[in-house]
Amino acid sequence: MADEALDPERPDFERNGYRFLFMGAMTSIRNTHAPGSRPEVSPAETFELLAFASHLMWRLGVAESRL
């Protein structure tokens, strides 16, 4: 399934790409203060993560406006 989802010839290629970005964001950065998590995030990395999250939210708004 993953190979088919990443096929650039499929019409839903972009949607699948963003789906994987959202999944990765939820898995890797959603809770940095959980027990056993990575060390404290630097201010520069925090800014980058906020910019990334902002972009994902913008794309979600675009997708919702198409519904």
C-alpha atoms as a PDB file:
ATOM      1  CA  MET A   1       0.000   0.000   0.000  1.00  0.00           C
ATOM      2  CA  ALA A   2       2.748   2.483   0.872  1.00  0.00           C
ATOM      3  CA  ASP A   3       4.406   2.017  -2.522  1.00  0.00           C
ATOM      4  CA  GLU A   4       1.119   2.775  -4.287  1.00  0.00           C
ATOM      5  CA  ALA A   5       0.508   5.803  -2.053  1.00  0.00           C
ATOM      6  CA  LEU A   6       3.857   7.313  -3.070  1.00  0.00           C
ATOM      7  CA  ASP A   7       3.381   6.799  -6.829  1.00  0.00           C
ATOM      8  CA  PRO A   8       3.600  10.316  -8.397  1.00  0.00           C
ATOM      9  CA  GLU A   9       1.376   9.175 -11.279  1.00  0.00           C
ATOM     10  CA  ARG A  10      -1.630   8.760  -8.999  1.00  0.00           C
ATOM     11  CA  PRO A  11      -4.022  11.717  -8.818  1.00  0.00           C
ATOM     12  CA  ASP A  12      -4.016  11.688  -5.005  1.00  0.00           C
ATOM     13  CA  PHE A  13      -0.205  11.824  -4.738  1.00  0.00           C
ATOM     14  CA  GLU A  14      -0.154  15.278  -3.091  1.00  0.00           C
ATOM     15  CA  ARG A  15      -2.885  14.315  -0.639  1.00  0.00           C
ATOM     16  CA  ASN A  16      -0.976  11.185   0.358  1.00  0.00           C
ATOM     17  CA  GLY A  17       2.203  13.223   0.795  1.00  0.00           C
ATOM     18  CA  TYR A  18       0.479  15.569   3.210  1.00  0.00           C
ATOM     19  CA  ARG A  19      -1.140  12.632   4.972  1.00  0.00           C
ATOM     20  CA  PHE A  20       2.318  11.231   5.675  1.00  0.00           C
ATOM     21  CA  LEU A  21       3.589  14.662   6.796  1.00  0.00           C
ATOM     22  CA  PHE A  22       0.693  14.940   9.277  1.00  0.00           C
ATOM     23  CA  MET A  23       1.335  11.398  10.515  1.00  0.00           C
ATOM     24  CA  GLY A  24       5.030  12.149  10.992  1.00  0.00           C
ATOM     25  CA  ALA A  25       4.312  15.410  12.791  1.00  0.00           C
ATOM     26  CA  MET A  26       1.921  13.703  15.181  1.00  0.00           C
ATOM     27  CA  THR A  27       4.403  10.932  15.839  1.00  0.00           C
ATOM     28  CA  SER A  28       7.567  12.970  16.240  1.00  0.00           C
ATOM     29  CA  ILE A  29       6.723  16.413  17.651  1.00  0.00           C
ATOM     30  CA  ARG A  30       3.324  16.220  19.300  1.00  0.00           C
ATOM     31  CA  ASN A  31       4.492  15.772  22.878  1.00  0.00           C
ATOM     32  CA  THR A  32       8.089  16.702  23.548  1.00  0.00           C
ATOM     33  CA  HIS A  33       7.539  16.742  27.329  1.00  0.00           C
ATOM     34  CA  ALA A  34       6.441  13.118  27.645  1.00  0.00           C
ATOM     35  CA  PRO A  35       8.560  10.799  29.795  1.00  0.00           C
ATOM     36  CA  GLY A  36      11.503   9.435  27.828  1.00  0.00           C
ATOM     37  CA  SER A  37      11.214  12.119  25.191  1.00  0.00           C
ATOM     38  CA  ARG A  38      14.053  13.932  23.509  1.00  0.00           C
ATOM     39  CA  PRO A  39      15.954  16.740  25.245  1.00  0.00           C
ATOM     40  CA  GLU A  40      14.662  20.290  25.405  1.00  0.00           C
ATOM     41  CA  VAL A  41      14.106  21.932  22.017  1.00  0.00           C
ATOM     42  CA  SER A  42      16.186  25.000  21.140  1.00  0.00           C
ATOM     43  CA  PRO A  43      14.486  28.319  20.301  1.00  0.00           C
ATOM     44  CA  ALA A  44      15.544  27.976  16.642  1.00  0.00           C
ATOM     45  CA  GLU A  45      14.081  24.473  16.374  1.00  0.00           C
ATOM     46  CA  THR A  46      10.921  25.650  18.128  1.00  0.00           C
ATOM     47  CA  PHE A  47      10.491  28.356  15.486  1.00  0.00           C
ATOM     48  CA  GLU A  48      10.977  25.791  12.705  1.00  0.00           C
ATOM     49  CA  LEU A  49       8.458  23.418  14.256  1.00  0.00           C
ATOM     50  CA  LEU A  50       5.918  26.235  14.603  1.00  0.00           C
ATOM     51  CA  ALA A  51       6.443  27.224  10.968  1.00  0.00           C
ATOM     52  CA  PHE A  52       5.971  23.591   9.899  1.00  0.00           C
ATOM     53  CA  ALA A  53       2.820  23.240  12.007  1.00  0.00           C
ATOM     54  CA  SER A  54       1.524  26.524  10.590  1.00  0.00           C
ATOM     55  CA  HIS A  55       2.037  25.252   7.049  1.00  0.00           C
ATOM     56  CA  LEU A  56       0.211  22.012   7.827  1.00  0.00           C
ATOM     57  CA  MET A  57      -2.706  23.943   9.302  1.00  0.00           C
ATOM     58  CA  TRP A  58      -2.813  26.200   6.233  1.00  0.00           C
ATOM     59  CA  ARG A  59      -2.953  23.128   3.952  1.00  0.00           C
ATOM     60  CA  LEU A  60      -5.717  21.676   6.108  1.00  0.00           C
ATOM     61  CA  GLY A  61      -7.692  24.892   5.654  1.00  0.00           C
ATOM     62  CA  VAL A  62      -7.211  24.679   1.879  1.00  0.00           C
ATOM     63  CA  ALA A  63      -8.434  21.086   1.890  1.00  0.00           C
ATOM     64  CA  GLU A  64     -11.461  21.925   4.046  1.00  0.00           C
ATOM     65  CA  SER A  65     -12.413  24.798   1.738  1.00  0.00           C
ATOM     66  CA  ARG A  66     -12.594  22.314  -1.155  1.00  0.00           C
ATOM     67  CA  LEU A  67     -15.216  20.200   0.632  1.00  0.00           C
END
